[in-house]
C-alpha atoms as a PDB file:
ATOM      1  CA  UNK A   1      60.364  38.338-110.754  1.00  0.00           C
ATOM      2  CA  UNK A   2      57.693  40.574-109.292  1.00  0.00           C
ATOM      3  CA  UNK A   3      55.051  38.843-107.176  1.00  0.00           C
ATOM      4  CA  UNK A   4      56.929  35.547-106.984  1.00  0.00           C
ATOM      5  CA  UNK A   5      56.102  33.552-103.864  1.00  0.00           C
ATOM      6  CA  UNK A   6      58.910  32.928-101.341  1.00  0.00           C
ATOM      7  CA  UNK A   7      60.840  29.904-102.523  1.00  0.00           C
ATOM      8  CA  UNK A   8      59.283  30.050-105.977  1.00  0.00           C
ATOM      9  CA  UNK A   9      61.474  29.684-109.034  1.00  0.00           C
ATOM     10  CA  UNK A  10      59.192  29.875-112.087  1.00  0.00           C
ATOM     11  CA  UNK A  11      56.760  32.532-113.370  1.00  0.00           C
ATOM     12  CA  UNK A  12      53.707  30.457-112.393  1.00  0.00           C
ATOM     13  CA  UNK A  13      54.702  30.475-108.703  1.00  0.00           C
ATOM     14  CA  UNK A  14      52.365  33.396-108.100  1.00  0.00           C
ATOM     15  CA  UNK A  15      48.930  33.673-106.528  1.00  0.00           C
ATOM     16  CA  UNK A  16      46.073  34.827-108.744  1.00  0.00           C
ATOM     17  CA  UNK A  17      42.944  35.781-106.821  1.00  0.00           C
ATOM     18  CA  UNK A  18      40.846  35.562-110.000  1.00  0.00           C
ATOM     19  CA  UNK A  19      41.589  31.819-110.096  1.00  0.00           C
ATOM     20  CA  UNK A  20      41.789  31.141-106.371  1.00  0.00           C
ATOM     21  CA  UNK A  21      39.666  27.966-106.622  1.00  0.00           C
ATOM     22  CA  UNK A  22      41.680  26.483-109.478  1.00  0.00           C
ATOM     23  CA  UNK A  23      43.778  23.384-108.937  1.00  0.00           C
ATOM     24  CA  UNK A  24      47.208  24.965-109.434  1.00  0.00           C
ATOM     25  CA  UNK A  25      46.324  27.833-107.103  1.00  0.00           C
ATOM     26  CA  UNK A  26      45.261  25.374-104.408  1.00  0.00           C
ATOM     27  CA  UNK A  27      48.612  23.635-104.830  1.00  0.00           C
ATOM     28  CA  UNK A  28      50.384  26.953-104.303  1.00  0.00           C
ATOM     29  CA  UNK A  29      48.376  27.573-101.144  1.00  0.00           C
ATOM     30  CA  UNK A  30      49.381  24.113 -99.931  1.00  0.00           C
ATOM     31  CA  UNK A  31      53.004  25.091-100.500  1.00  0.00           C
ATOM     32  CA  UNK A  32      52.551  28.229 -98.416  1.00  0.00           C
ATOM     33  CA  UNK A  33      50.404  26.963 -95.561  1.00  0.00           C
ATOM     34  CA  UNK A  34      50.226  23.156 -95.297  1.00  0.00           C
ATOM     35  CA  UNK A  35      52.795  21.820 -92.825  1.00  0.00           C
ATOM     36  CA  UNK A  36      51.406  18.334 -92.418  1.00  0.00           C
ATOM     37  CA  UNK A  37      54.471  16.148 -91.650  1.00  0.00           C
ATOM     38  CA  UNK A  38      52.882  13.409 -93.740  1.00  0.00           C
ATOM     39  CA  UNK A  39      53.770  15.468 -96.812  1.00  0.00           C
ATOM     40  CA  UNK A  40      57.473  15.000 -96.074  1.00  0.00           C
ATOM     41  CA  UNK A  41      57.128  11.263 -95.539  1.00  0.00           C
ATOM     42  CA  UNK A  42      55.148  10.824 -98.734  1.00  0.00           C
ATOM     43  CA  UNK A  43      57.616  12.845-100.802  1.00  0.00           C
ATOM     44  CA  UNK A  44      60.566  10.860 -99.423  1.00  0.00           C
ATOM     45  CA  UNK A  45      61.017   8.049-101.961  1.00  0.00           C
ATOM     46  CA  UNK A  46      62.470   5.753 -99.300  1.00  0.00           C
ATOM     47  CA  UNK A  47      60.054   6.404 -96.426  1.00  0.00           C
ATOM     48  CA  UNK A  48      57.052   6.352 -98.781  1.00  0.00           C
ATOM     49  CA  UNK A  49      57.613   2.614 -98.974  1.00  0.00           C
ATOM     50  CA  UNK A  50      56.657   2.427 -95.273  1.00  0.00           C
ATOM     51  CA  UNK A  51      53.200   3.799 -96.074  1.00  0.00           C
ATOM     52  CA  UNK A  52      52.600   1.107 -98.693  1.00  0.00           C
ATOM     53  CA  UNK A  53      53.754  -1.569 -96.270  1.00  0.00           C
ATOM     54  CA  UNK A  54      51.588  -0.194 -93.449  1.00  0.00           C
ATOM     55  CA  UNK A  55      48.497   0.052 -95.653  1.00  0.00           C
ATOM     56  CA  UNK A  56      49.078  -3.392 -97.184  1.00  0.00           C
ATOM     57  CA  UNK A  57      47.755  -1.995-100.437  1.00  0.00           C
ATOM     58  CA  UNK A  58      49.495  -2.529-103.751  1.00  0.00           C
ATOM     59  CA  UNK A  59      52.975  -3.912-104.356  1.00  0.00           C
ATOM     60  CA  UNK A  60      56.437  -2.451-103.916  1.00  0.00           C
ATOM     61  CA  UNK A  61      59.436  -2.834-106.202  1.00  0.00           C
ATOM     62  CA  UNK A  62      62.234  -4.801-104.559  1.00  0.00           C
ATOM     63  CA  UNK A  63      64.691  -2.673-102.613  1.00  0.00           C
ATOM     64  CA  UNK A  64      68.259  -3.803-103.298  1.00  0.00           C
ATOM     65  CA  UNK A  65      70.135  -1.078-101.436  1.00  0.00           C
ATOM     66  CA  UNK A  66      69.639   1.949 -99.203  1.00  0.00           C
ATOM     67  CA  UNK A  67      72.213   4.129 -97.473  1.00  0.00           C
ATOM     68  CA  UNK A  68      72.096   7.566 -95.906  1.00  0.00           C
ATOM     69  CA  UNK A  69      75.778   7.223 -94.974  1.00  0.00           C
ATOM     70  CA  UNK A  70      77.510   6.985 -98.334  1.00  0.00           C
ATOM     71  CA  UNK A  71      77.004   7.574-102.027  1.00  0.00           C
ATOM     72  CA  UNK A  72      79.018   4.446-102.823  1.00  0.00           C
ATOM     73  CA  UNK A  73      77.117   1.660-104.558  1.00  0.00           C
ATOM     74  CA  UNK A  74      77.594  -2.086-103.774  1.00  0.00           C
ATOM     75  CA  UNK A  75      77.843  -2.899-107.458  1.00  0.00           C
ATOM     76  CA  UNK A  76      78.782  -6.561-107.003  1.00  0.00           C
ATOM     77  CA  UNK A  77      75.589  -7.208-105.016  1.00  0.00           C
ATOM     78  CA  UNK A  78      73.210  -5.682-107.555  1.00  0.00           C
ATOM     79  CA  UNK A  79      71.395  -7.378-110.428  1.00  0.00           C
ATOM     80  CA  UNK A  80      72.267  -6.376-113.977  1.00  0.00           C
ATOM     81  CA  UNK A  81      69.041  -4.382-114.187  1.00  0.00           C
ATOM     82  CA  UNK A  82      68.006  -1.906-111.493  1.00  0.00           C
ATOM     83  CA  UNK A  83      67.163   1.756-110.843  1.00  0.00           C
ATOM     84  CA  UNK A  84      69.539   4.021-108.892  1.00  0.00           C
ATOM     85  CA  UNK A  85      68.314   7.313-107.422  1.00  0.00           C
ATOM     86  CA  UNK A  86      68.318   9.535-104.358  1.00  0.00           C
ATOM     87  CA  UNK A  87      65.349   9.676-102.003  1.00  0.00           C
ATOM     88  CA  UNK A  88      64.965  13.461-101.849  1.00  0.00           C
ATOM     89  CA  UNK A  89      65.179  14.388-105.505  1.00  0.00           C
ATOM     90  CA  UNK A  90      66.301  12.357-108.444  1.00  0.00           C
ATOM     91  CA  UNK A  91      67.112  15.382-110.548  1.00  0.00           C
ATOM     92  CA  UNK A  92      69.408  14.231-113.318  1.00  0.00           C
ATOM     93  CA  UNK A  93      70.857  11.561-111.003  1.00  0.00           C
ATOM     94  CA  UNK A  94      68.402   8.796-111.864  1.00  0.00           C
ATOM     95  CA  UNK A  95      70.055   5.868-113.582  1.00  0.00           C
ATOM     96  CA  UNK A  96      68.377   2.861-115.165  1.00  0.00           C
ATOM     97  CA  UNK A  97      70.972   0.098-115.361  1.00  0.00           C
ATOM     98  CA  UNK A  98      70.431  -2.231-118.331  1.00  0.00           C
ATOM     99  CA  UNK A  99      73.141  -4.849-118.582  1.00  0.00           C
ATOM    100  CA  UNK A 100      71.231  -8.036-119.406  1.00  0.00           C
ATOM    101  CA  UNK A 101      72.168  -9.878-122.573  1.00  0.00           C
ATOM    102  CA  UNK A 102      68.992  -8.560-124.217  1.00  0.00           C
ATOM    103  CA  UNK A 103      68.555  -4.804-123.901  1.00  0.00           C
ATOM    104  CA  UNK A 104      65.327  -3.171-122.770  1.00  0.00           C
ATOM    105  CA  UNK A 105      62.927  -2.898-125.706  1.00  0.00           C
ATOM    106  CA  UNK A 106      61.786   0.492-126.933  1.00  0.00           C
ATOM    107  CA  UNK A 107      64.933   2.434-125.975  1.00  0.00           C
ATOM    108  CA  UNK A 108      66.273   4.429-128.892  1.00  0.00           C
ATOM    109  CA  UNK A 109      70.061   4.527-128.749  1.00  0.00           C
ATOM    110  CA  UNK A 110      72.109   6.995-130.748  1.00  0.00           C
ATOM    111  CA  UNK A 111      75.429   8.752-130.418  1.00  0.00           C
ATOM    112  CA  UNK A 112      74.604  12.277-129.329  1.00  0.00           C
ATOM    113  CA  UNK A 113      76.419  12.755-125.994  1.00  0.00           C
ATOM    114  CA  UNK A 114      75.609  16.474-125.867  1.00  0.00           C
ATOM    115  CA  UNK A 115      71.869  15.939-126.250  1.00  0.00           C
ATOM    116  CA  UNK A 116      69.952  18.253-123.916  1.00  0.00           C
ATOM    117  CA  UNK A 117      66.657  16.433-124.124  1.00  0.00           C
ATOM    118  CA  UNK A 118      64.210  17.087-121.292  1.00  0.00           C
ATOM    119  CA  UNK A 119      64.173  13.335-120.630  1.00  0.00           C
ATOM    120  CA  UNK A 120      66.025  13.073-117.328  1.00  0.00           C
ATOM    121  CA  UNK A 121      66.247   9.272-117.315  1.00  0.00           C
ATOM    122  CA  UNK A 122      69.639   7.843-118.213  1.00  0.00           C
ATOM    123  CA  UNK A 123      69.506   4.252-119.411  1.00  0.00           C
ATOM    124  CA  UNK A 124      73.005   2.871-118.871  1.00  0.00           C
ATOM    125  CA  UNK A 125      74.164  -0.079-120.941  1.00  0.00           C
ATOM    126  CA  UNK A 126      77.815  -1.123-121.025  1.00  0.00           C
ATOM    127  CA  UNK A 127      78.818   2.135-119.399  1.00  0.00           C
ATOM    128  CA  UNK A 128      76.989   4.476-121.774  1.00  0.00           C
ATOM    129  CA  UNK A 129      73.602   6.157-121.704  1.00  0.00           C
ATOM    130  CA  UNK A 130      71.096   6.096-124.557  1.00  0.00           C
ATOM    131  CA  UNK A 131      72.789   9.111-126.157  1.00  0.00           C
ATOM    132  CA  UNK A 132      76.261   7.600-126.007  1.00  0.00           C
ATOM    133  CA  UNK A 133      77.380   9.567-122.953  1.00  0.00           C
ATOM    134  CA  UNK A 134      80.124   7.838-120.954  1.00  0.00           C
ATOM    135  CA  UNK A 135      78.941   6.737-117.486  1.00  0.00           C
ATOM    136  CA  UNK A 136      81.426   4.489-115.702  1.00  0.00           C
ATOM    137  CA  UNK A 137      80.621   3.490-112.134  1.00  0.00           C
ATOM    138  CA  UNK A 138      82.833   6.145-110.589  1.00  0.00           C
ATOM    139  CA  UNK A 139      81.051   8.888-112.523  1.00  0.00           C
ATOM    140  CA  UNK A 140      77.599   7.637-111.465  1.00  0.00           C
ATOM    141  CA  UNK A 141      78.730   7.698-107.823  1.00  0.00           C
ATOM    142  CA  UNK A 142      80.140  11.190-108.226  1.00  0.00           C
ATOM    143  CA  UNK A 143      76.824  12.380-109.654  1.00  0.00           C
ATOM    144  CA  UNK A 144      74.961  10.838-106.712  1.00  0.00           C
ATOM    145  CA  UNK A 145      77.336  12.504-104.258  1.00  0.00           C
ATOM    146  CA  UNK A 146      76.696  15.880-105.877  1.00  0.00           C
ATOM    147  CA  UNK A 147      72.930  15.348-105.883  1.00  0.00           C
ATOM    148  CA  UNK A 148      72.916  14.468-102.176  1.00  0.00           C
ATOM    149  CA  UNK A 149      74.606  17.783-101.389  1.00  0.00           C
ATOM    150  CA  UNK A 150      72.122  19.779-103.436  1.00  0.00           C
ATOM    151  CA  UNK A 151      68.939  21.093-101.888  1.00  0.00           C
ATOM    152  CA  UNK A 152      65.636  20.423-103.598  1.00  0.00           C
ATOM    153  CA  UNK A 153      65.499  22.988-106.425  1.00  0.00           C
ATOM    154  CA  UNK A 154      62.068  24.424-105.496  1.00  0.00           C
ATOM    155  CA  UNK A 155      62.099  25.539-101.835  1.00  0.00           C
ATOM    156  CA  UNK A 156      58.436  26.531-102.215  1.00  0.00           C
ATOM    157  CA  UNK A 157      57.505  22.824-102.211  1.00  0.00           C
ATOM    158  CA  UNK A 158      57.779  22.422 -98.449  1.00  0.00           C
ATOM    159  CA  UNK A 159      57.300  18.658 -98.192  1.00  0.00           C
ATOM    160  CA  UNK A 160      59.866  17.829-100.848  1.00  0.00           C
ATOM    161  CA  UNK A 161      62.457  20.366 -99.700  1.00  0.00           C
ATOM    162  CA  UNK A 162      62.485  19.142 -96.082  1.00  0.00           C
ATOM    163  CA  UNK A 163      63.332  15.466 -96.611  1.00  0.00           C
ATOM    164  CA  UNK A 164      65.940  14.217 -94.162  1.00  0.00           C
ATOM    165  CA  UNK A 165      68.076  12.188 -94.095  1.00  0.00           C
ATOM    166  CA  UNK A 166      69.067  12.074 -97.721  1.00  0.00           C
ATOM    167  CA  UNK A 167      70.331   8.852 -99.166  1.00  0.00           C
ATOM    168  CA  UNK A 168      70.868   6.640-102.184  1.00  0.00           C
ATOM    169  CA  UNK A 169      68.485   3.826-103.007  1.00  0.00           C
ATOM    170  CA  UNK A 170      68.536   1.059-105.585  1.00  0.00           C
ATOM    171  CA  UNK A 171      65.258  -0.541-106.591  1.00  0.00           C
ATOM    172  CA  UNK A 172      64.019  -3.205-108.940  1.00  0.00           C
ATOM    173  CA  UNK A 173      63.637  -2.153-112.567  1.00  0.00           C
ATOM    174  CA  UNK A 174      60.023  -2.778-113.490  1.00  0.00           C
ATOM    175  CA  UNK A 175      59.392  -4.108-116.977  1.00  0.00           C
ATOM    176  CA  UNK A 176      56.339  -5.360-118.811  1.00  0.00           C
ATOM    177  CA  UNK A 177      56.827  -7.483-121.908  1.00  0.00           C
ATOM    178  CA  UNK A 178      60.472  -6.401-121.966  1.00  0.00           C
ATOM    179  CA  UNK A 179      59.644  -2.681-121.963  1.00  0.00           C
ATOM    180  CA  UNK A 180      59.498   0.061-119.367  1.00  0.00           C
ATOM    181  CA  UNK A 181      55.757   0.197-118.596  1.00  0.00           C
ATOM    182  CA  UNK A 182      53.682   3.378-118.959  1.00  0.00           C
ATOM    183  CA  UNK A 183      52.779   5.497-115.945  1.00  0.00           C
ATOM    184  CA  UNK A 184      49.332   5.373-114.384  1.00  0.00           C
ATOM    185  CA  UNK A 185      48.646   8.133-111.891  1.00  0.00           C
ATOM    186  CA  UNK A 186      45.517   8.497-109.774  1.00  0.00           C
ATOM    187  CA  UNK A 187      44.581  11.899-108.360  1.00  0.00           C
ATOM    188  CA  UNK A 188      42.890  11.306-105.009  1.00  0.00           C
ATOM    189  CA  UNK A 189      40.854  13.940-103.168  1.00  0.00           C
ATOM    190  CA  UNK A 190      39.772  13.390 -99.559  1.00  0.00           C
ATOM    191  CA  UNK A 191      40.281   9.650 -99.902  1.00  0.00           C
ATOM    192  CA  UNK A 192      38.298   9.358-103.149  1.00  0.00           C
ATOM    193  CA  UNK A 193      39.789   8.965-106.613  1.00  0.00           C
ATOM    194  CA  UNK A 194      38.928  11.910-108.836  1.00  0.00           C
ATOM    195  CA  UNK A 195      40.510  11.047-112.176  1.00  0.00           C
ATOM    196  CA  UNK A 196      43.307   9.004-113.705  1.00  0.00           C
ATOM    197  CA  UNK A 197      46.323  10.345-115.555  1.00  0.00           C
ATOM    198  CA  UNK A 198      48.093   8.281-118.194  1.00  0.00           C
ATOM    199  CA  UNK A 199      51.561   9.078-119.543  1.00  0.00           C
ATOM    200  CA  UNK A 200      53.004   7.280-122.538  1.00  0.00           C
ATOM    201  CA  UNK A 201      56.227   7.535-124.533  1.00  0.00           C
ATOM    202  CA  UNK A 202      58.464   8.654-121.655  1.00  0.00           C
ATOM    203  CA  UNK A 203      61.566   7.464-123.475  1.00  0.00           C
ATOM    204  CA  UNK A 204      60.572   8.916-126.849  1.00  0.00           C
ATOM    205  CA  UNK A 205      57.818  11.519-127.348  1.00  0.00           C
ATOM    206  CA  UNK A 206      55.863  12.104-124.160  1.00  0.00           C
ATOM    207  CA  UNK A 207      52.056  12.332-124.335  1.00  0.00           C
ATOM    208  CA  UNK A 208      49.543  12.642-121.516  1.00  0.00           C
ATOM    209  CA  UNK A 209      45.783  12.380-121.048  1.00  0.00           C
ATOM    210  CA  UNK A 210      43.344  12.176-118.144  1.00  0.00           C
ATOM    211  CA  UNK A 211      40.362   9.838-117.724  1.00  0.00           C
ATOM    212  CA  UNK A 212      37.267   9.673-115.568  1.00  0.00           C
ATOM    213  CA  UNK A 213      36.666   6.733-113.257  1.00  0.00           C
ATOM    214  CA  UNK A 214      34.758   4.924-115.989  1.00  0.00           C
ATOM    215  CA  UNK A 215      37.888   5.003-118.135  1.00  0.00           C
ATOM    216  CA  UNK A 216      36.790   7.638-120.665  1.00  0.00           C
ATOM    217  CA  UNK A 217      39.119  10.431-121.752  1.00  0.00           C
ATOM    218  CA  UNK A 218      38.325  13.849-120.299  1.00  0.00           C
ATOM    219  CA  UNK A 219      38.383  16.507-123.002  1.00  0.00           C
ATOM    220  CA  UNK A 220      41.120  19.125-122.572  1.00  0.00           C
ATOM    221  CA  UNK A 221      41.209  22.153-124.839  1.00  0.00           C
ATOM    222  CA  UNK A 222      44.552  23.663-123.832  1.00  0.00           C
ATOM    223  CA  UNK A 223      46.660  21.008-122.144  1.00  0.00           C
ATOM    224  CA  UNK A 224      50.331  22.018-121.719  1.00  0.00           C
ATOM    225  CA  UNK A 225      51.238  18.463-122.777  1.00  0.00           C
ATOM    226  CA  UNK A 226      50.756  16.654-126.049  1.00  0.00           C
ATOM    227  CA  UNK A 227      47.789  14.272-126.162  1.00  0.00           C
ATOM    228  CA  UNK A 228      48.973  12.567-129.356  1.00  0.00           C
ATOM    229  CA  UNK A 229      48.304   8.836-129.587  1.00  0.00           C
ATOM    230  CA  UNK A 230      46.519   8.695-126.232  1.00  0.00           C
ATOM    231  CA  UNK A 231      43.487   6.372-126.371  1.00  0.00           C
ATOM    232  CA  UNK A 232      39.914   7.622-126.025  1.00  0.00           C
ATOM    233  CA  UNK A 233      39.251   5.060-123.294  1.00  0.00           C
ATOM    234  CA  UNK A 234      41.341   2.762-121.102  1.00  0.00           C
ATOM    235  CA  UNK A 235      38.938  -0.064-120.241  1.00  0.00           C
ATOM    236  CA  UNK A 236      40.083  -1.965-123.330  1.00  0.00           C
ATOM    237  CA  UNK A 237      43.686  -1.610-122.122  1.00  0.00           C
ATOM    238  CA  UNK A 238      43.297  -2.338-118.414  1.00  0.00           C
ATOM    239  CA  UNK A 239      40.016  -4.209-118.159  1.00  0.00           C
ATOM    240  CA  UNK A 240      37.330  -3.318-115.615  1.00  0.00           C
ATOM    241  CA  UNK A 241      38.832  -5.398-112.796  1.00  0.00           C
ATOM    242  CA  UNK A 242      42.276  -3.813-113.101  1.00  0.00           C
ATOM    243  CA  UNK A 243      40.788  -0.327-113.296  1.00  0.00           C
ATOM    244  CA  UNK A 244      38.722  -0.976-110.174  1.00  0.00           C
ATOM    245  CA  UNK A 245      41.787  -2.367-108.419  1.00  0.00           C
ATOM    246  CA  UNK A 246      43.856   0.686-109.347  1.00  0.00           C
ATOM    247  CA  UNK A 247      41.218   3.000-107.895  1.00  0.00           C
ATOM    248  CA  UNK A 248      40.835   0.955-104.709  1.00  0.00           C
ATOM    249  CA  UNK A 249      44.584   0.762-104.046  1.00  0.00           C
ATOM    250  CA  UNK A 250      45.180   4.463-104.655  1.00  0.00           C
ATOM    251  CA  UNK A 251      42.314   5.485-102.364  1.00  0.00           C
ATOM    252  CA  UNK A 252      43.677   3.354 -99.545  1.00  0.00           C
ATOM    253  CA  UNK A 253      47.195   4.744 -99.883  1.00  0.00           C
ATOM    254  CA  UNK A 254      46.053   8.379 -99.944  1.00  0.00           C
ATOM    255  CA  UNK A 255      43.219   8.170 -97.429  1.00  0.00           C
ATOM    256  CA  UNK A 256      45.035  10.223 -94.770  1.00  0.00           C
ATOM    257  CA  UNK A 257      45.512  13.401 -96.760  1.00  0.00           C
ATOM    258  CA  UNK A 258      43.261  15.897 -98.541  1.00  0.00           C
ATOM    259  CA  UNK A 259      44.916  15.487-101.938  1.00  0.00           C
ATOM    260  CA  UNK A 260      47.665  13.412-103.490  1.00  0.00           C
ATOM    261  CA  UNK A 261      48.705  11.935-106.814  1.00  0.00           C
ATOM    262  CA  UNK A 262      49.586   8.254-106.474  1.00  0.00           C
ATOM    263  CA  UNK A 263      51.739   6.733-109.212  1.00  0.00           C
ATOM    264  CA  UNK A 264      51.776   3.110-110.331  1.00  0.00           C
ATOM    265  CA  UNK A 265      53.169   0.769-112.944  1.00  0.00           C
ATOM    266  CA  UNK A 266      51.301  -2.278-114.199  1.00  0.00           C
ATOM    267  CA  UNK A 267      53.684  -5.197-114.604  1.00  0.00           C
ATOM    268  CA  UNK A 268      52.107  -8.503-115.544  1.00  0.00           C
ATOM    269  CA  UNK A 269      48.942  -8.511-113.479  1.00  0.00           C
ATOM    270  CA  UNK A 270      50.305  -6.479-110.535  1.00  0.00           C
ATOM    271  CA  UNK A 271      49.971  -2.814-109.692  1.00  0.00           C
ATOM    272  CA  UNK A 272      53.365  -1.725-108.375  1.00  0.00           C
ATOM    273  CA  UNK A 273      53.751   1.532-106.461  1.00  0.00           C
ATOM    274  CA  UNK A 274      55.911   4.245-107.977  1.00  0.00           C
ATOM    275  CA  UNK A 275      55.694   7.323-105.766  1.00  0.00           C
ATOM    276  CA  UNK A 276      53.484   9.917-104.127  1.00  0.00           C
ATOM    277  CA  UNK A 277      53.369  13.409-105.618  1.00  0.00           C
ATOM    278  CA  UNK A 278      51.905  16.278-103.622  1.00  0.00           C
ATOM    279  CA  UNK A 279      53.015  19.193-105.813  1.00  0.00           C
ATOM    280  CA  UNK A 280      52.088  18.018-109.293  1.00  0.00           C
ATOM    281  CA  UNK A 281      54.378  19.548-111.943  1.00  0.00           C
ATOM    282  CA  UNK A 282      55.538  22.090-109.381  1.00  0.00           C
ATOM    283  CA  UNK A 283      52.090  23.727-109.390  1.00  0.00           C
ATOM    284  CA  UNK A 284      52.174  24.518-113.117  1.00  0.00           C
ATOM    285  CA  UNK A 285      48.710  25.391-114.458  1.00  0.00           C
ATOM    286  CA  UNK A 286      47.054  22.567-116.349  1.00  0.00           C
ATOM    287  CA  UNK A 287      44.259  22.707-118.918  1.00  0.00           C
ATOM    288  CA  UNK A 288      41.166  24.771-118.105  1.00  0.00           C
ATOM    289  CA  UNK A 289      39.142  21.579-117.718  1.00  0.00           C
ATOM    290  CA  UNK A 290      41.693  20.014-115.352  1.00  0.00           C
ATOM    291  CA  UNK A 291      41.988  23.204-113.298  1.00  0.00           C
ATOM    292  CA  UNK A 292      38.240  23.478-112.671  1.00  0.00           C
ATOM    293  CA  UNK A 293      37.560  19.770-112.195  1.00  0.00           C
ATOM    294  CA  UNK A 294      40.411  19.175-109.752  1.00  0.00           C
ATOM    295  CA  UNK A 295      39.777  22.445-107.953  1.00  0.00           C
ATOM    296  CA  UNK A 296      36.180  21.495-107.320  1.00  0.00           C
ATOM    297  CA  UNK A 297      37.096  17.983-106.221  1.00  0.00           C
ATOM    298  CA  UNK A 298      39.628  19.389-103.769  1.00  0.00           C
ATOM    299  CA  UNK A 299      37.084  21.884-102.448  1.00  0.00           C
ATOM    300  CA  UNK A 300      34.516  19.069-102.161  1.00  0.00           C
ATOM    301  CA  UNK A 301      32.341  20.372-104.958  1.00  0.00           C
ATOM    302  CA  UNK A 302      32.549  17.527-107.499  1.00  0.00           C
ATOM    303  CA  UNK A 303      31.362  18.350-110.986  1.00  0.00           C
ATOM    304  CA  UNK A 304      29.783  16.025-113.498  1.00  0.00           C
ATOM    305  CA  UNK A 305      32.384  15.224-116.130  1.00  0.00           C
ATOM    306  CA  UNK A 306      31.005  15.267-119.647  1.00  0.00           C
END
């Protein structure tokens, strides 16, 4: 593909001087030029936990297992519900184990083993995923072994593609009211929260919206993602105290870098850390409103959001 940046894999991995101050273009320039070793640590799903512990900000899911020596899983030592993944790239090797007597609520199960849905999460119950695909323990381990041998699929994303060592980790499965909780993601610029991203329906029909720091939806005219069923405001969902807490925690965790997306889950009354993301959606262009707002925040020219 003509004009593709070194290590790029999709058509949008190109520089466009006409939009040089836009968010996705700034992400691409980060890919090309930013060699801050903190990017690698933040992208590493295992070592990122160290940052949360050091900052004493937010909560971590329990870590049941970690190994950079073997892909084998200590099944007999794990709870019936947990999340299995690799630290460098989950790819399609992320497994949600669901073997309690009562299954996780909100998971649609059907027999369609050849389903090629974009949903990468496999929810394993009694050896089968939500589409009926057969996943015995040996096959899960084989998939993990393959994933560990594979390089990160987008070499352009320097921080993510240079994680070492690679390993397998098993963490606590976070639930809220028996369901997998929605994602809350805070985009932080120069240590200050800029806006909040909310994703709902991960296991069914994914929708996404962004909100200002007062909790009001930011209008997007051409978002690449559906905004169906996303609320107009989030104060009534979170409450002012929880919103303030989310902002405070995310700012503390990302205070040492110019930009980062910090992901959380709200379980009960606790904000639990998910991951850091430094190359949001692999630098794919977002809505016009997002591109300008985030670009200006990154370049320290904050705009008034209307």
